[in-house]
Amino acid sequence: MIPSTSQTGCVEVRNASQGDLGSVLALLGRSGLPTQGVNAEAMDEFMIAESDGKLIGVVGLEVYRDSALLRSAAVEETWRGTGVGRVLIDRALDRSRELGIHDVFLLTTSAEHYFPKFGFVCVSGDSVPDSIQQSCEFRGPCPATATVMRKTIGG
């Protein structure tokens, strides 16, 4: 748990379950993020943050052999700037290490200045493995205007 800085109570970060799908999709919609590919099965590699039983943040991983796509990182507007996003991203990167992931990629149209603090750097879309390029995220409307970033986790 992390202490709350803007609300009462504490924040609990946990693995998502299939029952969280509706709340996750609603938060992604409010945050203007794509929901393609976010389904009940995908919840296995999503992490959520809750306060008083209410979803306040989410992040997901799509795993492709030894690479992964970090996606759907969103925090409720009233909770932004409280550290919830940082905890979720750190948890997703820890999970990547557990899975033996070598490189984590992401697409962003608005947070290219946020992710370098986690070790992400801008890369060419050509450097992204074909398996990730075939994902819903990369085939959707976002890639034409998105910044592609990568973090190398291990050797």
N, C-alpha and C. Protein backbone atom coordinates (compact mmCIF):
# COMPACT_ATOMS: atom_id res chain seq x y z
N MET A 1 0.83 -1.19 0.00
CA MET A 1 0.00 0.00 0.00
C MET A 1 0.87 1.24 0.00
N ILE A 2 0.36 2.28 -0.60
CA ILE A 2 1.03 3.57 -0.53
C ILE A 2 0.07 4.57 0.11
N PRO A 3 0.58 5.48 0.92
CA PRO A 3 -0.32 6.45 1.55
C PRO A 3 -0.89 7.41 0.53
N SER A 4 -2.09 7.84 0.76
CA SER A 4 -2.74 8.81 -0.12
C SER A 4 -2.24 10.21 0.20
N THR A 5 -2.07 11.00 -0.84
CA THR A 5 -1.71 12.40 -0.60
C THR A 5 -2.83 13.35 -1.00
N SER A 6 -3.85 12.83 -1.70
CA SER A 6 -4.92 13.74 -2.13
C SER A 6 -6.31 13.27 -1.70
N GLN A 7 -6.40 12.09 -1.12
CA GLN A 7 -7.69 11.55 -0.73
C GLN A 7 -7.54 10.96 0.67
N THR A 8 -8.65 10.56 1.25
CA THR A 8 -8.58 9.86 2.52
C THR A 8 -8.31 8.39 2.25
N GLY A 9 -7.76 7.70 3.24
CA GLY A 9 -7.50 6.28 3.08
C GLY A 9 -6.16 6.03 2.43
N CYS A 10 -5.94 4.77 2.08
CA CYS A 10 -4.69 4.36 1.44
C CYS A 10 -4.97 3.81 0.06
N VAL A 11 -3.92 3.66 -0.70
CA VAL A 11 -4.01 3.12 -2.04
C VAL A 11 -3.44 1.71 -2.01
N GLU A 12 -4.19 0.78 -2.57
CA GLU A 12 -3.75 -0.60 -2.68
C GLU A 12 -3.47 -0.89 -4.16
N VAL A 13 -2.31 -1.47 -4.43
CA VAL A 13 -1.97 -1.88 -5.79
C VAL A 13 -2.01 -3.40 -5.82
N ARG A 14 -2.72 -3.95 -6.80
CA ARG A 14 -2.86 -5.39 -6.91
C ARG A 14 -2.96 -5.81 -8.37
N ASN A 15 -2.82 -7.12 -8.59
CA ASN A 15 -3.03 -7.66 -9.93
C ASN A 15 -4.51 -7.55 -10.26
N ALA A 16 -4.82 -7.21 -11.49
CA ALA A 16 -6.21 -7.11 -11.92
C ALA A 16 -6.79 -8.51 -12.08
N SER A 17 -8.10 -8.57 -12.02
CA SER A 17 -8.82 -9.81 -12.30
C SER A 17 -9.81 -9.54 -13.42
N GLN A 18 -10.40 -10.60 -13.95
CA GLN A 18 -11.36 -10.43 -15.03
C GLN A 18 -12.54 -9.57 -14.59
N GLY A 19 -12.87 -9.59 -13.31
CA GLY A 19 -13.95 -8.78 -12.80
C GLY A 19 -13.67 -7.28 -12.82
N ASP A 20 -12.42 -6.91 -13.02
CA ASP A 20 -12.06 -5.49 -13.08
C ASP A 20 -12.21 -4.89 -14.48
N LEU A 21 -12.52 -5.72 -15.46
CA LEU A 21 -12.52 -5.26 -16.85
C LEU A 21 -13.39 -4.02 -17.07
N GLY A 22 -14.61 -4.02 -16.59
CA GLY A 22 -15.51 -2.88 -16.81
C GLY A 22 -14.94 -1.58 -16.27
N SER A 23 -14.40 -1.62 -15.06
CA SER A 23 -13.82 -0.42 -14.45
C SER A 23 -12.57 0.04 -15.20
N VAL A 24 -11.77 -0.92 -15.65
CA VAL A 24 -10.56 -0.59 -16.42
C VAL A 24 -10.95 0.09 -17.73
N LEU A 25 -11.91 -0.49 -18.44
CA LEU A 25 -12.33 0.12 -19.71
C LEU A 25 -12.90 1.51 -19.50
N ALA A 26 -13.65 1.71 -18.43
CA ALA A 26 -14.21 3.03 -18.15
C ALA A 26 -13.11 4.05 -17.88
N LEU A 27 -12.09 3.68 -17.09
CA LEU A 27 -10.98 4.60 -16.81
C LEU A 27 -10.20 4.92 -18.08
N LEU A 28 -9.94 3.91 -18.90
CA LEU A 28 -9.23 4.16 -20.16
C LEU A 28 -10.04 5.11 -21.04
N GLY A 29 -11.34 4.92 -21.09
CA GLY A 29 -12.19 5.81 -21.88
C GLY A 29 -12.13 7.24 -21.37
N ARG A 30 -12.23 7.43 -20.05
CA ARG A 30 -12.15 8.78 -19.47
C ARG A 30 -10.80 9.42 -19.72
N SER A 31 -9.77 8.58 -19.85
CA SER A 31 -8.40 9.08 -20.05
C SER A 31 -8.05 9.25 -21.52
N GLY A 32 -8.97 8.92 -22.41
CA GLY A 32 -8.73 9.07 -23.85
C GLY A 32 -7.75 8.05 -24.40
N LEU A 33 -7.63 6.89 -23.76
CA LEU A 33 -6.71 5.86 -24.21
C LEU A 33 -7.46 4.76 -24.95
N PRO A 34 -6.79 4.11 -25.90
CA PRO A 34 -7.45 3.05 -26.67
C PRO A 34 -7.80 1.84 -25.80
N THR A 35 -8.89 1.19 -26.15
CA THR A 35 -9.32 0.00 -25.42
C THR A 35 -9.23 -1.27 -26.26
N GLN A 36 -8.83 -1.13 -27.54
CA GLN A 36 -8.69 -2.31 -28.37
C GLN A 36 -7.70 -3.27 -27.73
N GLY A 37 -8.06 -4.55 -27.68
CA GLY A 37 -7.17 -5.55 -27.11
C GLY A 37 -7.26 -5.67 -25.60
N VAL A 38 -8.01 -4.79 -24.96
CA VAL A 38 -8.20 -4.90 -23.51
C VAL A 38 -9.46 -5.74 -23.30
N ASN A 39 -9.26 -6.97 -22.86
CA ASN A 39 -10.39 -7.89 -22.66
C ASN A 39 -10.14 -8.70 -21.39
N ALA A 40 -11.06 -9.60 -21.09
CA ALA A 40 -10.96 -10.36 -19.84
C ALA A 40 -9.66 -11.14 -19.75
N GLU A 41 -9.22 -11.74 -20.85
CA GLU A 41 -7.98 -12.51 -20.84
C GLU A 41 -6.77 -11.62 -20.60
N ALA A 42 -6.81 -10.41 -21.10
CA ALA A 42 -5.68 -9.48 -20.94
C ALA A 42 -5.48 -9.06 -19.49
N MET A 43 -6.53 -9.16 -18.68
CA MET A 43 -6.45 -8.71 -17.29
C MET A 43 -5.38 -9.46 -16.49
N ASP A 44 -4.95 -10.63 -16.97
CA ASP A 44 -3.92 -11.40 -16.27
C ASP A 44 -2.62 -10.62 -16.11
N GLU A 45 -2.32 -9.72 -17.02
CA GLU A 45 -1.07 -8.94 -16.96
C GLU A 45 -1.33 -7.45 -16.75
N PHE A 46 -2.45 -7.12 -16.12
CA PHE A 46 -2.77 -5.74 -15.76
C PHE A 46 -2.64 -5.59 -14.26
N MET A 47 -2.25 -4.41 -13.81
CA MET A 47 -2.19 -4.07 -12.41
C MET A 47 -3.08 -2.86 -12.19
N ILE A 48 -3.75 -2.83 -11.05
CA ILE A 48 -4.62 -1.70 -10.76
C ILE A 48 -4.31 -1.12 -9.39
N ALA A 49 -4.66 0.15 -9.24
CA ALA A 49 -4.58 0.83 -7.95
C ALA A 49 -6.00 1.18 -7.55
N GLU A 50 -6.29 0.96 -6.27
CA GLU A 50 -7.62 1.25 -5.74
C GLU A 50 -7.50 2.07 -4.46
N SER A 51 -8.51 2.88 -4.23
CA SER A 51 -8.65 3.58 -2.96
C SER A 51 -10.10 3.43 -2.53
N ASP A 52 -10.29 2.97 -1.33
CA ASP A 52 -11.65 2.73 -0.81
C ASP A 52 -12.48 1.89 -1.78
N GLY A 53 -11.83 0.89 -2.41
CA GLY A 53 -12.52 -0.02 -3.31
C GLY A 53 -12.81 0.53 -4.68
N LYS A 54 -12.35 1.74 -4.98
CA LYS A 54 -12.60 2.36 -6.28
C LYS A 54 -11.31 2.38 -7.10
N LEU A 55 -11.41 1.95 -8.35
CA LEU A 55 -10.26 1.96 -9.25
C LEU A 55 -9.79 3.38 -9.52
N ILE A 56 -8.50 3.64 -9.26
CA ILE A 56 -7.96 4.98 -9.50
C ILE A 56 -6.78 4.97 -10.46
N GLY A 57 -6.29 3.79 -10.82
CA GLY A 57 -5.17 3.71 -11.75
C GLY A 57 -5.02 2.32 -12.32
N VAL A 58 -4.38 2.25 -13.49
CA VAL A 58 -4.21 0.97 -14.18
C VAL A 58 -2.97 1.03 -15.07
N VAL A 59 -2.38 -0.11 -15.29
CA VAL A 59 -1.33 -0.27 -16.29
C VAL A 59 -1.36 -1.72 -16.73
N GLY A 60 -1.01 -1.97 -17.99
CA GLY A 60 -1.01 -3.33 -18.50
C GLY A 60 0.25 -3.67 -19.27
N LEU A 61 0.48 -4.95 -19.38
CA LEU A 61 1.58 -5.48 -20.20
C LEU A 61 1.00 -6.44 -21.22
N GLU A 62 1.51 -6.38 -22.42
CA GLU A 62 1.26 -7.42 -23.41
C GLU A 62 2.61 -8.06 -23.66
N VAL A 63 2.71 -9.35 -23.41
CA VAL A 63 3.98 -10.05 -23.49
C VAL A 63 4.10 -10.75 -24.85
N TYR A 64 5.24 -10.55 -25.49
CA TYR A 64 5.58 -11.15 -26.78
C TYR A 64 6.96 -11.77 -26.67
N ARG A 65 7.01 -13.02 -26.21
CA ARG A 65 8.26 -13.75 -26.00
C ARG A 65 9.16 -12.99 -25.03
N ASP A 66 10.28 -12.43 -25.51
CA ASP A 66 11.19 -11.72 -24.59
C ASP A 66 11.05 -10.20 -24.67
N SER A 67 9.96 -9.74 -25.28
CA SER A 67 9.64 -8.31 -25.32
C SER A 67 8.23 -8.12 -24.79
N ALA A 68 7.93 -6.91 -24.38
CA ALA A 68 6.58 -6.60 -23.90
C ALA A 68 6.19 -5.20 -24.32
N LEU A 69 4.90 -4.98 -24.38
CA LEU A 69 4.33 -3.67 -24.66
C LEU A 69 3.68 -3.18 -23.38
N LEU A 70 4.16 -2.06 -22.87
CA LEU A 70 3.53 -1.40 -21.72
C LEU A 70 2.39 -0.57 -22.28
N ARG A 71 1.19 -0.78 -21.77
CA ARG A 71 0.04 -0.10 -22.34
C ARG A 71 -0.97 0.27 -21.27
N SER A 72 -1.88 1.11 -21.66
CA SER A 72 -3.03 1.44 -20.83
C SER A 72 -2.65 2.00 -19.46
N ALA A 73 -1.62 2.82 -19.42
CA ALA A 73 -1.22 3.48 -18.16
C ALA A 73 -2.11 4.70 -17.97
N ALA A 74 -2.97 4.63 -16.95
CA ALA A 74 -3.90 5.72 -16.70
C ALA A 74 -4.15 5.88 -15.21
N VAL A 75 -4.31 7.12 -14.78
CA VAL A 75 -4.63 7.44 -13.39
C VAL A 75 -5.77 8.44 -13.41
N GLU A 76 -6.75 8.23 -12.52
CA GLU A 76 -7.86 9.19 -12.42
C GLU A 76 -7.30 10.59 -12.26
N GLU A 77 -7.95 11.54 -12.89
CA GLU A 77 -7.44 12.92 -12.91
C GLU A 77 -7.17 13.47 -11.51
N THR A 78 -8.05 13.21 -10.56
CA THR A 78 -7.86 13.75 -9.22
C THR A 78 -6.70 13.11 -8.47
N TRP A 79 -6.18 12.00 -8.98
CA TRP A 79 -5.07 11.30 -8.34
C TRP A 79 -3.74 11.53 -9.06
N ARG A 80 -3.74 12.24 -10.16
CA ARG A 80 -2.49 12.48 -10.89
C ARG A 80 -1.56 13.34 -10.05
N GLY A 81 -0.27 13.00 -10.10
CA GLY A 81 0.72 13.74 -9.34
C GLY A 81 0.91 13.23 -7.92
N THR A 82 0.24 12.13 -7.55
CA THR A 82 0.32 11.60 -6.19
C THR A 82 1.29 10.44 -6.05
N GLY A 83 1.85 9.97 -7.16
CA GLY A 83 2.75 8.82 -7.12
C GLY A 83 2.10 7.50 -7.51
N VAL A 84 0.80 7.51 -7.72
CA VAL A 84 0.09 6.29 -8.10
C VAL A 84 0.62 5.76 -9.43
N GLY A 85 0.79 6.63 -10.40
CA GLY A 85 1.31 6.21 -11.71
C GLY A 85 2.70 5.61 -11.59
N ARG A 86 3.54 6.24 -10.82
CA ARG A 86 4.92 5.74 -10.62
C ARG A 86 4.91 4.33 -10.04
N VAL A 87 4.08 4.10 -9.04
CA VAL A 87 4.01 2.78 -8.42
C VAL A 87 3.53 1.74 -9.42
N LEU A 88 2.53 2.09 -10.21
CA LEU A 88 2.01 1.15 -11.22
C LEU A 88 3.06 0.82 -12.28
N ILE A 89 3.77 1.83 -12.78
CA ILE A 89 4.80 1.59 -13.79
C ILE A 89 5.92 0.74 -13.20
N ASP A 90 6.36 1.08 -11.99
CA ASP A 90 7.40 0.27 -11.33
C ASP A 90 6.95 -1.18 -11.18
N ARG A 91 5.70 -1.39 -10.80
CA ARG A 91 5.18 -2.75 -10.64
C ARG A 91 5.17 -3.49 -11.98
N ALA A 92 4.79 -2.81 -13.05
CA ALA A 92 4.79 -3.44 -14.37
C ALA A 92 6.22 -3.79 -14.81
N LEU A 93 7.16 -2.92 -14.53
CA LEU A 93 8.55 -3.20 -14.89
C LEU A 93 9.11 -4.35 -14.05
N ASP A 94 8.74 -4.42 -12.77
CA ASP A 94 9.13 -5.56 -11.94
C ASP A 94 8.57 -6.85 -12.51
N ARG A 95 7.32 -6.82 -12.93
CA ARG A 95 6.70 -8.00 -13.53
C ARG A 95 7.43 -8.41 -14.80
N SER A 96 7.87 -7.43 -15.59
CA SER A 96 8.63 -7.72 -16.81
C SER A 96 9.91 -8.47 -16.48
N ARG A 97 10.60 -8.03 -15.43
CA ARG A 97 11.82 -8.72 -15.00
C ARG A 97 11.51 -10.16 -14.59
N GLU A 98 10.42 -10.35 -13.83
CA GLU A 98 10.03 -11.70 -13.40
C GLU A 98 9.78 -12.62 -14.59
N LEU A 99 9.26 -12.06 -15.67
CA LEU A 99 8.93 -12.84 -16.86
C LEU A 99 10.12 -13.03 -17.79
N GLY A 100 11.26 -12.44 -17.46
CA GLY A 100 12.44 -12.56 -18.30
C GLY A 100 12.40 -11.71 -19.55
N ILE A 101 11.64 -10.64 -19.51
CA ILE A 101 11.52 -9.72 -20.65
C ILE A 101 12.84 -8.98 -20.83
N HIS A 102 13.24 -8.82 -22.09
CA HIS A 102 14.47 -8.10 -22.41
C HIS A 102 14.19 -6.62 -22.66
N ASP A 103 13.19 -6.32 -23.47
CA ASP A 103 12.85 -4.94 -23.83
C ASP A 103 11.36 -4.69 -23.61
N VAL A 104 11.05 -3.53 -23.03
CA VAL A 104 9.66 -3.10 -22.88
C VAL A 104 9.48 -1.88 -23.76
N PHE A 105 8.46 -1.91 -24.60
CA PHE A 105 8.16 -0.83 -25.52
C PHE A 105 6.85 -0.17 -25.11
N LEU A 106 6.65 1.07 -25.55
CA LEU A 106 5.37 1.75 -25.35
C LEU A 106 5.17 2.77 -26.45
N LEU A 107 3.92 3.14 -26.62
CA LEU A 107 3.53 4.22 -27.51
C LEU A 107 2.89 5.30 -26.67
N THR A 108 3.20 6.55 -26.93
CA THR A 108 2.54 7.64 -26.22
C THR A 108 2.35 8.83 -27.15
N THR A 109 1.25 9.51 -26.96
CA THR A 109 1.01 10.76 -27.70
C THR A 109 1.07 11.96 -26.78
N SER A 110 1.24 11.71 -25.46
CA SER A 110 1.21 12.84 -24.54
C SER A 110 2.17 12.71 -23.35
N ALA A 111 2.84 11.58 -23.19
CA ALA A 111 3.65 11.39 -21.99
C ALA A 111 5.11 11.08 -22.29
N GLU A 112 5.60 11.55 -23.43
CA GLU A 112 7.00 11.27 -23.78
C GLU A 112 7.99 11.90 -22.82
N HIS A 113 7.54 12.89 -22.04
CA HIS A 113 8.43 13.50 -21.05
C HIS A 113 8.32 12.83 -19.68
N TYR A 114 7.31 11.97 -19.49
CA TYR A 114 7.09 11.28 -18.23
C TYR A 114 7.92 9.99 -18.15
N PHE A 115 7.97 9.23 -19.22
CA PHE A 115 8.57 7.90 -19.17
C PHE A 115 10.09 7.85 -19.09
N PRO A 116 10.85 8.86 -19.49
CA PRO A 116 12.30 8.78 -19.31
C PRO A 116 12.74 8.60 -17.86
N LYS A 117 11.95 9.05 -16.90
CA LYS A 117 12.34 8.86 -15.49
C LYS A 117 12.35 7.39 -15.09
N PHE A 118 11.76 6.53 -15.94
CA PHE A 118 11.78 5.09 -15.71
C PHE A 118 12.83 4.40 -16.57
N GLY A 119 13.58 5.18 -17.34
CA GLY A 119 14.61 4.61 -18.19
C GLY A 119 14.19 4.38 -19.63
N PHE A 120 13.02 4.85 -20.02
CA PHE A 120 12.57 4.71 -21.41
C PHE A 120 13.23 5.78 -22.27
N VAL A 121 13.60 5.39 -23.48
CA VAL A 121 14.18 6.31 -24.45
C VAL A 121 13.39 6.22 -25.76
N CYS A 122 13.39 7.29 -26.50
CA CYS A 122 12.72 7.30 -27.79
C CYS A 122 13.49 6.43 -28.78
N VAL A 123 12.77 5.66 -29.55
CA VAL A 123 13.37 4.80 -30.58
C VAL A 123 12.54 4.89 -31.85
N SER A 124 13.11 4.40 -32.91
CA SER A 124 12.40 4.31 -34.18
C SER A 124 11.41 3.15 -34.13
N GLY A 125 10.30 3.31 -34.77
CA GLY A 125 9.33 2.23 -34.86
C GLY A 125 9.90 0.99 -35.51
N ASP A 126 10.93 1.18 -36.34
CA ASP A 126 11.57 0.04 -37.01
C ASP A 126 12.30 -0.87 -36.03
N SER A 127 12.63 -0.37 -34.84
CA SER A 127 13.36 -1.17 -33.87
C SER A 127 12.44 -2.06 -33.03
N VAL A 128 11.14 -1.91 -33.21
CA VAL A 128 10.17 -2.68 -32.45
C VAL A 128 9.99 -4.05 -33.11
N PRO A 129 10.03 -5.13 -32.33
CA PRO A 129 9.85 -6.46 -32.91
C PRO A 129 8.53 -6.58 -33.69
N ASP A 130 8.55 -7.39 -34.74
CA ASP A 130 7.37 -7.56 -35.57
C ASP A 130 6.15 -8.00 -34.77
N SER A 131 6.35 -8.86 -33.77
CA SER A 131 5.21 -9.34 -32.98
C SER A 131 4.49 -8.18 -32.30
N ILE A 132 5.23 -7.23 -31.79
CA ILE A 132 4.61 -6.07 -31.13
C ILE A 132 4.00 -5.13 -32.18
N GLN A 133 4.66 -5.00 -33.32
CA GLN A 133 4.11 -4.15 -34.38
C GLN A 133 2.75 -4.66 -34.87
N GLN A 134 2.47 -5.95 -34.67
CA GLN A 134 1.19 -6.51 -35.08
C GLN A 134 0.11 -6.37 -34.00
N SER A 135 0.46 -5.80 -32.84
CA SER A 135 -0.51 -5.64 -31.75
C SER A 135 -1.57 -4.60 -32.11
N CYS A 136 -2.69 -4.65 -31.39
CA CYS A 136 -3.76 -3.67 -31.59
C CYS A 136 -3.25 -2.24 -31.39
N GLU A 137 -2.37 -2.05 -30.42
CA GLU A 137 -1.83 -0.72 -30.14
C GLU A 137 -1.10 -0.15 -31.35
N PHE A 138 -0.25 -0.97 -31.97
CA PHE A 138 0.55 -0.49 -33.09
C PHE A 138 -0.24 -0.41 -34.38
N ARG A 139 -1.30 -1.19 -34.50
CA ARG A 139 -2.09 -1.16 -35.73
C ARG A 139 -3.24 -0.16 -35.66
N GLY A 140 -3.47 0.40 -34.48
CA GLY A 140 -4.57 1.35 -34.30
C GLY A 140 -4.23 2.73 -34.85
N PRO A 141 -5.09 3.71 -34.59
CA PRO A 141 -4.90 5.05 -35.11
C PRO A 141 -3.74 5.82 -34.48
N CYS A 142 -3.31 5.40 -33.32
CA CYS A 142 -2.30 6.11 -32.53
C CYS A 142 -0.90 6.16 -33.15
N PRO A 143 -0.37 5.08 -33.74
CA PRO A 143 1.04 5.06 -34.13
C PRO A 143 1.50 6.16 -35.09
N ALA A 144 0.61 6.66 -35.91
CA ALA A 144 1.03 7.69 -36.86
C ALA A 144 1.53 8.95 -36.15
N THR A 145 0.98 9.24 -34.99
CA THR A 145 1.36 10.46 -34.26
C THR A 145 2.07 10.16 -32.95
N ALA A 146 2.24 8.89 -32.63
CA ALA A 146 2.79 8.51 -31.32
C ALA A 146 4.31 8.48 -31.32
N THR A 147 4.85 8.69 -30.13
CA THR A 147 6.27 8.50 -29.87
C THR A 147 6.46 7.06 -29.41
N VAL A 148 7.44 6.38 -29.99
CA VAL A 148 7.76 5.01 -29.60
C VAL A 148 8.93 5.07 -28.63
N MET A 149 8.81 4.34 -27.52
CA MET A 149 9.86 4.35 -26.50
C MET A 149 10.18 2.92 -26.10
N ARG A 150 11.43 2.74 -25.61
CA ARG A 150 11.88 1.42 -25.20
C ARG A 150 12.71 1.54 -23.91
N LYS A 151 12.56 0.52 -23.07
CA LYS A 151 13.42 0.36 -21.91
C LYS A 151 13.98 -1.04 -21.99
N THR A 152 15.31 -1.14 -21.93
CA THR A 152 15.96 -2.44 -21.90
C THR A 152 16.02 -2.88 -20.45
N ILE A 153 15.49 -4.07 -20.20
CA ILE A 153 15.39 -4.61 -18.84
C ILE A 153 16.61 -5.45 -18.51
N GLY A 154 16.95 -6.36 -19.38
CA GLY A 154 18.05 -7.26 -19.08
C GLY A 154 18.68 -7.82 -20.33
N GLY A 155 19.73 -8.59 -20.11
CA GLY A 155 20.47 -9.16 -21.22
C GLY A 155 20.00 -10.53 -21.52
